[in-house]
Amino acid sequence: VVVYQGCDTAFQISDKGSLDEEVCKRYALPHRYILSVGSI
């Protein structure tokens, strides 16, 4: 039986908030970036 997996509800469209700004500073994220997630 095929049962798809969903993803955590933490991932959602949201306006940039204080947490996002904090994370941006912590990792020195660039202004415009392409993202890829997964073991390198």
PDB file of all heavy atoms in Angstrom:
ATOM      1  N   VAL A   1       0.858  -1.182   0.000  1.00  0.00           N
ATOM      2  CA  VAL A   1       0.000   0.000   0.000  1.00  0.00           C
ATOM      3  C   VAL A   1       0.897   1.236   0.000  1.00  0.00           C
ATOM      4  O   VAL A   1       1.808   1.342   0.817  1.00  0.00           O
ATOM      5  CB  VAL A   1      -0.922   0.035   1.243  1.00  0.00           C
ATOM      6  CG1 VAL A   1      -1.837   1.262   1.195  1.00  0.00           C
ATOM      7  CG2 VAL A   1      -1.738  -1.245   1.343  1.00  0.00           C
ATOM      8  N   VAL A   2       0.629   2.149  -0.925  1.00  0.00           N
ATOM      9  CA  VAL A   2       1.395   3.399  -0.957  1.00  0.00           C
ATOM     10  C   VAL A   2       0.745   4.398  -0.008  1.00  0.00           C
ATOM     11  O   VAL A   2      -0.428   4.732  -0.148  1.00  0.00           O
ATOM     12  CB  VAL A   2       1.456   3.988  -2.378  1.00  0.00           C
ATOM     13  CG1 VAL A   2       2.128   5.368  -2.361  1.00  0.00           C
ATOM     14  CG2 VAL A   2       2.212   3.045  -3.302  1.00  0.00           C
ATOM     15  N   VAL A   3       1.505   4.833   0.984  1.00  0.00           N
ATOM     16  CA  VAL A   3       1.057   5.874   1.906  1.00  0.00           C
ATOM     17  C   VAL A   3       2.143   6.943   1.911  1.00  0.00           C
ATOM     18  O   VAL A   3       3.251   6.703   2.403  1.00  0.00           O
ATOM     19  CB  VAL A   3       0.838   5.340   3.343  1.00  0.00           C
ATOM     20  CG1 VAL A   3       0.344   6.476   4.246  1.00  0.00           C
ATOM     21  CG2 VAL A   3      -0.154   4.182   3.347  1.00  0.00           C
ATOM     22  N   TYR A   4       1.828   8.084   1.356  1.00  0.00           N
ATOM     23  CA  TYR A   4       2.819   9.153   1.287  1.00  0.00           C
ATOM     24  C   TYR A   4       3.153   9.680   2.681  1.00  0.00           C
ATOM     25  O   TYR A   4       2.352   9.610   3.603  1.00  0.00           O
ATOM     26  CB  TYR A   4       2.308  10.309   0.439  1.00  0.00           C
ATOM     27  CG  TYR A   4       2.225  10.014  -1.035  1.00  0.00           C
ATOM     28  CD1 TYR A   4       1.026  10.131  -1.731  1.00  0.00           C
ATOM     29  CD2 TYR A   4       3.368   9.617  -1.737  1.00  0.00           C
ATOM     30  CE1 TYR A   4       0.958   9.865  -3.085  1.00  0.00           C
ATOM     31  CE2 TYR A   4       3.296   9.353  -3.091  1.00  0.00           C
ATOM     32  CZ  TYR A   4       2.093   9.480  -3.764  1.00  0.00           C
ATOM     33  OH  TYR A   4       2.035   9.218  -5.107  1.00  0.00           O
ATOM     34  N   GLN A   5       4.335  10.228   2.785  1.00  0.00           N
ATOM     35  CA  GLN A   5       4.744  10.909   4.010  1.00  0.00           C
ATOM     36  C   GLN A   5       4.534  12.404   3.821  1.00  0.00           C
ATOM     37  O   GLN A   5       4.815  12.935   2.753  1.00  0.00           O
ATOM     38  CB  GLN A   5       6.224  10.640   4.299  1.00  0.00           C
ATOM     39  CG  GLN A   5       6.739  11.342   5.547  1.00  0.00           C
ATOM     40  CD  GLN A   5       8.244  11.198   5.710  1.00  0.00           C
ATOM     41  OE1 GLN A   5       8.886  10.464   4.960  1.00  0.00           O
ATOM     42  NE2 GLN A   5       8.801  11.904   6.672  1.00  0.00           N
ATOM     43  N   GLY A   6       4.034  13.064   4.837  1.00  0.00           N
ATOM     44  CA  GLY A   6       3.934  14.515   4.789  1.00  0.00           C
ATOM     45  C   GLY A   6       5.145  15.127   5.464  1.00  0.00           C
ATOM     46  O   GLY A   6       6.126  14.448   5.753  1.00  0.00           O
ATOM     47  N   CYS A   7       5.088  16.410   5.693  1.00  0.00           N
ATOM     48  CA  CYS A   7       6.204  17.054   6.391  1.00  0.00           C
ATOM     49  C   CYS A   7       5.670  17.801   7.608  1.00  0.00           C
ATOM     50  O   CYS A   7       4.472  18.051   7.732  1.00  0.00           O
ATOM     51  CB  CYS A   7       6.965  18.001   5.474  1.00  0.00           C
ATOM     52  SG  CYS A   7       6.055  19.447   4.936  1.00  0.00           S
ATOM     53  N   ASP A   8       6.555  18.139   8.479  1.00  0.00           N
ATOM     54  CA  ASP A   8       6.199  18.774   9.741  1.00  0.00           C
ATOM     55  C   ASP A   8       5.469  20.094   9.510  1.00  0.00           C
ATOM     56  O   ASP A   8       5.777  20.839   8.572  1.00  0.00           O
ATOM     57  CB  ASP A   8       7.468  19.021  10.555  1.00  0.00           C
ATOM     58  CG  ASP A   8       7.169  19.291  12.014  1.00  0.00           C
ATOM     59  OD1 ASP A   8       6.745  20.423  12.325  1.00  0.00           O
ATOM     60  OD2 ASP A   8       7.359  18.377  12.832  1.00  0.00           O
ATOM     61  N   THR A   9       4.507  20.370  10.371  1.00  0.00           N
ATOM     62  CA  THR A   9       3.733  21.614  10.244  1.00  0.00           C
ATOM     63  C   THR A   9       4.562  22.862  10.519  1.00  0.00           C
ATOM     64  O   THR A   9       4.111  23.973  10.266  1.00  0.00           O
ATOM     65  CB  THR A   9       2.531  21.591  11.211  1.00  0.00           C
ATOM     66  OG1 THR A   9       3.002  21.342  12.547  1.00  0.00           O
ATOM     67  CG2 THR A   9       1.538  20.514  10.818  1.00  0.00           C
ATOM     68  N   ALA A  10       5.777  22.683  11.004  1.00  0.00           N
ATOM     69  CA  ALA A  10       6.657  23.839  11.230  1.00  0.00           C
ATOM     70  C   ALA A  10       7.004  24.522   9.915  1.00  0.00           C
ATOM     71  O   ALA A  10       7.331  25.713   9.889  1.00  0.00           O
ATOM     72  CB  ALA A  10       7.933  23.403  11.939  1.00  0.00           C
ATOM     73  N   PHE A  11       6.932  23.759   8.819  1.00  0.00           N
ATOM     74  CA  PHE A  11       7.217  24.338   7.513  1.00  0.00           C
ATOM     75  C   PHE A  11       5.938  24.953   6.965  1.00  0.00           C
ATOM     76  O   PHE A  11       4.964  24.257   6.685  1.00  0.00           O
ATOM     77  CB  PHE A  11       7.750  23.262   6.559  1.00  0.00           C
ATOM     78  CG  PHE A  11       9.029  22.644   7.032  1.00  0.00           C
ATOM     79  CD1 PHE A  11       9.015  21.466   7.755  1.00  0.00           C
ATOM     80  CD2 PHE A  11      10.240  23.261   6.784  1.00  0.00           C
ATOM     81  CE1 PHE A  11      10.189  20.895   8.210  1.00  0.00           C
ATOM     82  CE2 PHE A  11      11.428  22.707   7.239  1.00  0.00           C
ATOM     83  CZ  PHE A  11      11.406  21.520   7.951  1.00  0.00           C
ATOM     84  N   GLN A  12       5.931  26.245   6.817  1.00  0.00           N
ATOM     85  CA  GLN A  12       4.746  26.937   6.333  1.00  0.00           C
ATOM     86  C   GLN A  12       5.123  28.318   5.812  1.00  0.00           C
ATOM     87  O   GLN A  12       6.143  28.880   6.195  1.00  0.00           O
ATOM     88  CB  GLN A  12       3.717  27.087   7.457  1.00  0.00           C
ATOM     89  CG  GLN A  12       4.265  27.801   8.687  1.00  0.00           C
ATOM     90  CD  GLN A  12       3.287  27.782   9.839  1.00  0.00           C
ATOM     91  OE1 GLN A  12       2.101  27.877   9.633  1.00  0.00           O
ATOM     92  NE2 GLN A  12       3.801  27.675  11.054  1.00  0.00           N
ATOM     93  N   ILE A  13       4.275  28.810   4.916  1.00  0.00           N
ATOM     94  CA  ILE A  13       4.481  30.166   4.407  1.00  0.00           C
ATOM     95  C   ILE A  13       4.264  31.139   5.556  1.00  0.00           C
ATOM     96  O   ILE A  13       3.289  31.041   6.299  1.00  0.00           O
ATOM     97  CB  ILE A  13       3.498  30.469   3.264  1.00  0.00           C
ATOM     98  CG1 ILE A  13       3.750  29.507   2.094  1.00  0.00           C
ATOM     99  CG2 ILE A  13       3.639  31.904   2.801  1.00  0.00           C
ATOM    100  CD1 ILE A  13       2.730  29.608   0.997  1.00  0.00           C
ATOM    101  N   SER A  14       5.186  32.074   5.718  1.00  0.00           N
ATOM    102  CA  SER A  14       5.076  33.013   6.831  1.00  0.00           C
ATOM    103  C   SER A  14       5.845  34.283   6.506  1.00  0.00           C
ATOM    104  O   SER A  14       6.849  34.258   5.788  1.00  0.00           O
ATOM    105  CB  SER A  14       5.642  32.374   8.108  1.00  0.00           C
ATOM    106  OG  SER A  14       5.676  33.295   9.169  1.00  0.00           O
ATOM    107  N   ASP A  15       5.353  35.396   7.029  1.00  0.00           N
ATOM    108  CA  ASP A  15       6.108  36.638   6.910  1.00  0.00           C
ATOM    109  C   ASP A  15       7.376  36.526   7.752  1.00  0.00           C
ATOM    110  O   ASP A  15       7.397  35.841   8.784  1.00  0.00           O
ATOM    111  CB  ASP A  15       5.274  37.830   7.401  1.00  0.00           C
ATOM    112  CG  ASP A  15       4.080  38.101   6.490  1.00  0.00           C
ATOM    113  OD1 ASP A  15       4.190  37.803   5.281  1.00  0.00           O
ATOM    114  OD2 ASP A  15       3.050  38.586   6.991  1.00  0.00           O
ATOM    115  N   LYS A  16       8.401  37.220   7.334  1.00  0.00           N
ATOM    116  CA  LYS A  16       9.663  37.171   8.057  1.00  0.00           C
ATOM    117  C   LYS A  16       9.498  37.768   9.445  1.00  0.00           C
ATOM    118  O   LYS A  16       9.070  38.909   9.601  1.00  0.00           O
ATOM    119  CB  LYS A  16      10.732  37.941   7.273  1.00  0.00           C
ATOM    120  CG  LYS A  16      12.145  37.750   7.799  1.00  0.00           C
ATOM    121  CD  LYS A  16      13.156  38.376   6.850  1.00  0.00           C
ATOM    122  CE  LYS A  16      14.569  38.189   7.361  1.00  0.00           C
ATOM    123  NZ  LYS A  16      15.566  38.765   6.440  1.00  0.00           N
ATOM    124  N   GLY A  17       9.797  36.968  10.465  1.00  0.00           N
ATOM    125  CA  GLY A  17       9.650  37.420  11.845  1.00  0.00           C
ATOM    126  C   GLY A  17      10.988  37.502  12.547  1.00  0.00           C
ATOM    127  O   GLY A  17      12.052  37.338  11.944  1.00  0.00           O
ATOM    128  N   SER A  18      10.940  37.723  13.852  1.00  0.00           N
ATOM    129  CA  SER A  18      12.173  37.896  14.633  1.00  0.00           C
ATOM    130  C   SER A  18      13.018  36.630  14.639  1.00  0.00           C
ATOM    131  O   SER A  18      14.254  36.694  14.625  1.00  0.00           O
ATOM    132  CB  SER A  18      11.827  38.299  16.068  1.00  0.00           C
ATOM    133  OG  SER A  18      10.983  37.325  16.663  1.00  0.00           O
ATOM    134  N   LEU A  19      12.360  35.445  14.659  1.00  0.00           N
ATOM    135  CA  LEU A  19      13.115  34.190  14.635  1.00  0.00           C
ATOM    136  C   LEU A  19      13.882  34.059  13.327  1.00  0.00           C
ATOM    137  O   LEU A  19      15.052  33.666  13.314  1.00  0.00           O
ATOM    138  CB  LEU A  19      12.192  32.993  14.822  1.00  0.00           C
ATOM    139  CG  LEU A  19      12.859  31.613  14.726  1.00  0.00           C
ATOM    140  CD1 LEU A  19      13.945  31.470  15.789  1.00  0.00           C
ATOM    141  CD2 LEU A  19      11.834  30.495  14.864  1.00  0.00           C
ATOM    142  N   ASP A  20      13.233  34.395  12.206  1.00  0.00           N
ATOM    143  CA  ASP A  20      13.899  34.321  10.914  1.00  0.00           C
ATOM    144  C   ASP A  20      15.114  35.248  10.882  1.00  0.00           C
ATOM    145  O   ASP A  20      16.183  34.887  10.370  1.00  0.00           O
ATOM    146  CB  ASP A  20      12.936  34.690   9.792  1.00  0.00           C
ATOM    147  CG  ASP A  20      11.877  33.618   9.564  1.00  0.00           C
ATOM    148  OD1 ASP A  20      11.999  32.542  10.162  1.00  0.00           O
ATOM    149  OD2 ASP A  20      10.937  33.859   8.790  1.00  0.00           O
ATOM    150  N   GLU A  21      14.959  36.439  11.408  1.00  0.00           N
ATOM    151  CA  GLU A  21      16.071  37.392  11.428  1.00  0.00           C
ATOM    152  C   GLU A  21      17.219  36.875  12.294  1.00  0.00           C
ATOM    153  O   GLU A  21      18.399  37.026  11.951  1.00  0.00           O
ATOM    154  CB  GLU A  21      15.579  38.745  11.931  1.00  0.00           C
ATOM    155  CG  GLU A  21      14.610  39.425  10.963  1.00  0.00           C
ATOM    156  CD  GLU A  21      14.047  40.721  11.513  1.00  0.00           C
ATOM    157  OE1 GLU A  21      14.410  41.094  12.650  1.00  0.00           O
ATOM    158  OE2 GLU A  21      13.239  41.358  10.808  1.00  0.00           O
ATOM    159  N   GLU A  22      16.858  36.253  13.412  1.00  0.00           N
ATOM    160  CA  GLU A  22      17.870  35.694  14.318  1.00  0.00           C
ATOM    161  C   GLU A  22      18.631  34.568  13.636  1.00  0.00           C
ATOM    162  O   GLU A  22      19.864  34.482  13.719  1.00  0.00           O
ATOM    163  CB  GLU A  22      17.185  35.180  15.588  1.00  0.00           C
ATOM    164  CG  GLU A  22      18.129  34.591  16.617  1.00  0.00           C
ATOM    165  CD  GLU A  22      17.380  33.989  17.798  1.00  0.00           C
ATOM    166  OE1 GLU A  22      16.328  34.539  18.179  1.00  0.00           O
ATOM    167  OE2 GLU A  22      17.854  32.964  18.316  1.00  0.00           O
ATOM    168  N   VAL A  23      17.896  33.689  12.946  1.00  0.00           N
ATOM    169  CA  VAL A  23      18.518  32.572  12.235  1.00  0.00           C
ATOM    170  C   VAL A  23      19.407  33.091  11.113  1.00  0.00           C
ATOM    171  O   VAL A  23      20.509  32.579  10.878  1.00  0.00           O
ATOM    172  CB  VAL A  23      17.430  31.614  11.684  1.00  0.00           C
ATOM    173  CG1 VAL A  23      18.021  30.626  10.678  1.00  0.00           C
ATOM    174  CG2 VAL A  23      16.759  30.867  12.826  1.00  0.00           C
ATOM    175  N   CYS A  24      18.943  34.116  10.420  1.00  0.00           N
ATOM    176  CA  CYS A  24      19.716  34.727   9.340  1.00  0.00           C
ATOM    177  C   CYS A  24      21.068  35.224   9.845  1.00  0.00           C
ATOM    178  O   CYS A  24      22.113  34.975   9.229  1.00  0.00           O
ATOM    179  CB  CYS A  24      18.919  35.876   8.720  1.00  0.00           C
ATOM    180  SG  CYS A  24      19.734  36.649   7.314  1.00  0.00           S
ATOM    181  N   LYS A  25      21.064  35.864  10.981  1.00  0.00           N
ATOM    182  CA  LYS A  25      22.311  36.380  11.558  1.00  0.00           C
ATOM    183  C   LYS A  25      23.201  35.246  12.053  1.00  0.00           C
ATOM    184  O   LYS A  25      24.416  35.270  11.870  1.00  0.00           O
ATOM    185  CB  LYS A  25      21.986  37.329  12.709  1.00  0.00           C
ATOM    186  CG  LYS A  25      21.356  38.647  12.273  1.00  0.00           C
ATOM    187  CD  LYS A  25      21.016  39.508  13.490  1.00  0.00           C
ATOM    188  CE  LYS A  25      20.334  40.808  13.066  1.00  0.00           C
ATOM    189  NZ  LYS A  25      19.924  41.618  14.250  1.00  0.00           N
ATOM    190  N   ARG A  26      22.582  34.232  12.681  1.00  0.00           N
ATOM    191  CA  ARG A  26      23.362  33.138  13.265  1.00  0.00           C
ATOM    192  C   ARG A  26      24.180  32.398  12.211  1.00  0.00           C
ATOM    193  O   ARG A  26      25.317  32.000  12.442  1.00  0.00           O
ATOM    194  CB  ARG A  26      22.429  32.168  13.988  1.00  0.00           C
ATOM    195  CG  ARG A  26      23.166  31.073  14.762  1.00  0.00           C
ATOM    196  CD  ARG A  26      22.182  30.126  15.430  1.00  0.00           C
ATOM    197  NE  ARG A  26      21.177  30.862  16.179  1.00  0.00           N
ATOM    198  CZ  ARG A  26      19.894  30.522  16.263  1.00  0.00           C
ATOM    199  NH1 ARG A  26      19.467  29.430  15.626  1.00  0.00           N
ATOM    200  NH2 ARG A  26      19.032  31.222  16.958  1.00  0.00           N
ATOM    201  N   TYR A  27      23.586  32.200  11.031  1.00  0.00           N
ATOM    202  CA  TYR A  27      24.265  31.445   9.979  1.00  0.00           C
ATOM    203  C   TYR A  27      24.854  32.347   8.896  1.00  0.00           C
ATOM    204  O   TYR A  27      25.367  31.839   7.896  1.00  0.00           O
ATOM    205  CB  TYR A  27      23.298  30.437   9.348  1.00  0.00           C
ATOM    206  CG  TYR A  27      22.805  29.405  10.336  1.00  0.00           C
ATOM    207  CD1 TYR A  27      21.526  29.501  10.893  1.00  0.00           C
ATOM    208  CD2 TYR A  27      23.618  28.339  10.732  1.00  0.00           C
ATOM    209  CE1 TYR A  27      21.067  28.568  11.812  1.00  0.00           C
ATOM    210  CE2 TYR A  27      23.174  27.397  11.645  1.00  0.00           C
ATOM    211  CZ  TYR A  27      21.895  27.523  12.183  1.00  0.00           C
ATOM    212  OH  TYR A  27      21.443  26.584  13.089  1.00  0.00           O
ATOM    213  N   ALA A  28      24.771  33.663   9.099  1.00  0.00           N
ATOM    214  CA  ALA A  28      25.284  34.623   8.106  1.00  0.00           C
ATOM    215  C   ALA A  28      24.734  34.307   6.717  1.00  0.00           C
ATOM    216  O   ALA A  28      25.471  34.213   5.728  1.00  0.00           O
ATOM    217  CB  ALA A  28      26.804  34.615   8.099  1.00  0.00           C
ATOM    218  N   LEU A  29      23.404  34.132   6.647  1.00  0.00           N
ATOM    219  CA  LEU A  29      22.773  33.779   5.379  1.00  0.00           C
ATOM    220  C   LEU A  29      22.880  34.944   4.392  1.00  0.00           C
ATOM    221  O   LEU A  29      22.687  36.103   4.761  1.00  0.00           O
ATOM    222  CB  LEU A  29      21.297  33.418   5.605  1.00  0.00           C
ATOM    223  CG  LEU A  29      21.028  32.165   6.436  1.00  0.00           C
ATOM    224  CD1 LEU A  29      19.535  31.992   6.675  1.00  0.00           C
ATOM    225  CD2 LEU A  29      21.608  30.924   5.758  1.00  0.00           C
ATOM    226  N   PRO A  30      23.161  34.643   3.116  1.00  0.00           N
ATOM    227  CA  PRO A  30      23.245  35.699   2.110  1.00  0.00           C
ATOM    228  C   PRO A  30      21.864  36.253   1.772  1.00  0.00           C
ATOM    229  O   PRO A  30      20.833  35.671   2.144  1.00  0.00           O
ATOM    230  CB  PRO A  30      23.860  34.993   0.902  1.00  0.00           C
ATOM    231  CG  PRO A  30      23.502  33.557   1.093  1.00  0.00           C
ATOM    232  CD  PRO A  30      23.476  33.311   2.578  1.00  0.00           C
ATOM    233  N   HIS A  31      21.840  37.359   1.055  1.00  0.00           N
ATOM    234  CA  HIS A  31      20.573  38.027   0.738  1.00  0.00           C
ATOM    235  C   HIS A  31      19.722  37.218  -0.232  1.00  0.00           C
ATOM    236  O   HIS A  31      18.519  37.056  -0.026  1.00  0.00           O
ATOM    237  CB  HIS A  31      20.849  39.413   0.153  1.00  0.00           C
ATOM    238  CG  HIS A  31      19.602  40.150  -0.257  1.00  0.00           C
ATOM    239  ND1 HIS A  31      18.604  40.477   0.653  1.00  0.00           N
ATOM    240  CD2 HIS A  31      19.185  40.597  -1.470  1.00  0.00           C
ATOM    241  CE1 HIS A  31      17.624  41.103   0.016  1.00  0.00           C
ATOM    242  NE2 HIS A  31      17.946  41.181  -1.269  1.00  0.00           N
ATOM    243  N   ARG A  32      20.336  36.698  -1.282  1.00  0.00           N
ATOM    244  CA  ARG A  32      19.603  35.882  -2.268  1.00  0.00           C
ATOM    245  C   ARG A  32      20.303  34.534  -2.386  1.00  0.00           C
ATOM    246  O   ARG A  32      21.472  34.467  -2.778  1.00  0.00           O
ATOM    247  CB  ARG A  32      19.577  36.574  -3.637  1.00  0.00           C
ATOM    248  CG  ARG A  32      18.711  37.817  -3.677  1.00  0.00           C
ATOM    249  CD  ARG A  32      18.757  38.481  -5.055  1.00  0.00           C
ATOM    250  NE  ARG A  32      18.169  37.665  -6.106  1.00  0.00           N
ATOM    251  CZ  ARG A  32      16.852  37.550  -6.318  1.00  0.00           C
ATOM    252  NH1 ARG A  32      15.989  38.195  -5.548  1.00  0.00           N
ATOM    253  NH2 ARG A  32      16.389  36.803  -7.304  1.00  0.00           N
ATOM    254  N   TYR A  33      19.575  33.477  -2.038  1.00  0.00           N
ATOM    255  CA  TYR A  33      20.232  32.169  -2.111  1.00  0.00           C
ATOM    256  C   TYR A  33      19.296  31.062  -2.568  1.00  0.00           C
ATOM    257  O   TYR A  33      18.081  31.085  -2.349  1.00  0.00           O
ATOM    258  CB  TYR A  33      20.884  31.793  -0.781  1.00  0.00           C
ATOM    259  CG  TYR A  33      19.970  31.601   0.420  1.00  0.00           C
ATOM    260  CD1 TYR A  33      19.423  30.355   0.718  1.00  0.00           C
ATOM    261  CD2 TYR A  33      19.707  32.667   1.284  1.00  0.00           C
ATOM    262  CE1 TYR A  33      18.631  30.173   1.843  1.00  0.00           C
ATOM    263  CE2 TYR A  33      18.922  32.490   2.408  1.00  0.00           C
ATOM    264  CZ  TYR A  33      18.386  31.244   2.686  1.00  0.00           C
ATOM    265  OH  TYR A  33      17.585  31.075   3.806  1.00  0.00           O
ATOM    266  N   ILE A  34      19.917  30.108  -3.237  1.00  0.00           N
ATOM    267  CA  ILE A  34      19.288  28.840  -3.605  1.00  0.00           C
ATOM    268  C   ILE A  34      19.570  27.889  -2.450  1.00  0.00           C
ATOM    269  O   ILE A  34      20.691  27.841  -1.933  1.00  0.00           O
ATOM    270  CB  ILE A  34      19.902  28.289  -4.902  1.00  0.00           C
ATOM    271  CG1 ILE A  34      19.646  29.250  -6.067  1.00  0.00           C
ATOM    272  CG2 ILE A  34      19.362  26.893  -5.213  1.00  0.00           C
ATOM    273  CD1 ILE A  34      20.621  29.054  -7.207  1.00  0.00           C
ATOM    274  N   LEU A  35      18.573  27.132  -2.039  1.00  0.00           N
ATOM    275  CA  LEU A  35      18.724  26.220  -0.906  1.00  0.00           C
ATOM    276  C   LEU A  35      18.636  24.775  -1.363  1.00  0.00           C
ATOM    277  O   LEU A  35      17.827  24.425  -2.228  1.00  0.00           O
ATOM    278  CB  LEU A  35      17.619  26.486   0.127  1.00  0.00           C
ATOM    279  CG  LEU A  35      17.559  25.539   1.336  1.00  0.00           C
ATOM    280  CD1 LEU A  35      18.800  25.683   2.210  1.00  0.00           C
ATOM    281  CD2 LEU A  35      16.299  25.809   2.162  1.00  0.00           C
ATOM    282  N   SER A  36      19.474  23.917  -0.772  1.00  0.00           N
ATOM    283  CA  SER A  36      19.358  22.477  -0.952  1.00  0.00           C
ATOM    284  C   SER A  36      19.595  21.816   0.400  1.00  0.00           C
ATOM    285  O   SER A  36      20.538  22.178   1.112  1.00  0.00           O
ATOM    286  CB  SER A  36      20.379  21.967  -1.971  1.00  0.00           C
ATOM    287  OG  SER A  36      20.101  20.621  -2.319  1.00  0.00           O
ATOM    288  N   VAL A  37      18.732  20.882   0.772  1.00  0.00           N
ATOM    289  CA  VAL A  37      18.797  20.239   2.086  1.00  0.00           C
ATOM    290  C   VAL A  37      18.931  18.731   1.919  1.00  0.00           C
ATOM    291  O   VAL A  37      18.191  18.109   1.159  1.00  0.00           O
ATOM    292  CB  VAL A  37      17.537  20.564   2.921  1.00  0.00           C
ATOM    293  CG1 VAL A  37      17.560  19.810   4.254  1.00  0.00           C
ATOM    294  CG2 VAL A  37      17.419  22.068   3.159  1.00  0.00           C
ATOM    295  N   GLY A  38      19.867  18.148   2.650  1.00  0.00           N
ATOM    296  CA  GLY A  38      20.084  16.707   2.606  1.00  0.00           C
ATOM    297  C   GLY A  38      21.563  16.398   2.779  1.00  0.00           C
ATOM    298  O   GLY A  38      22.414  17.265   2.556  1.00  0.00           O
ATOM    299  N   SER A  39      21.886  15.184   3.182  1.00  0.00           N
ATOM    300  CA  SER A  39      23.289  14.800   3.360  1.00  0.00           C
ATOM    301  C   SER A  39      24.097  15.160   2.118  1.00  0.00           C
ATOM    302  O   SER A  39      23.641  14.930   0.995  1.00  0.00           O
ATOM    303  CB  SER A  39      23.409  13.297   3.621  1.00  0.00           C
ATOM    304  OG  SER A  39      22.776  12.961   4.831  1.00  0.00           O
ATOM    305  N   ILE A  40      25.270  15.721   2.325  1.00  0.00           N
ATOM    306  CA  ILE A  40      26.081  16.163   1.188  1.00  0.00           C
ATOM    307  C   ILE A  40      26.927  14.977   0.733  1.00  0.00           C
ATOM    308  O   ILE A  40      28.102  14.828   1.086  1.00  0.00           O
ATOM    309  CB  ILE A  40      26.936  17.385   1.581  1.00  0.00           C
ATOM    310  CG1 ILE A  40      26.031  18.465   2.180  1.00  0.00           C
ATOM    311  CG2 ILE A  40      27.669  17.941   0.357  1.00  0.00           C
ATOM    312  CD1 ILE A  40      26.767  19.603   2.850  1.00  0.00           C
TER     313      ILE A  40
END
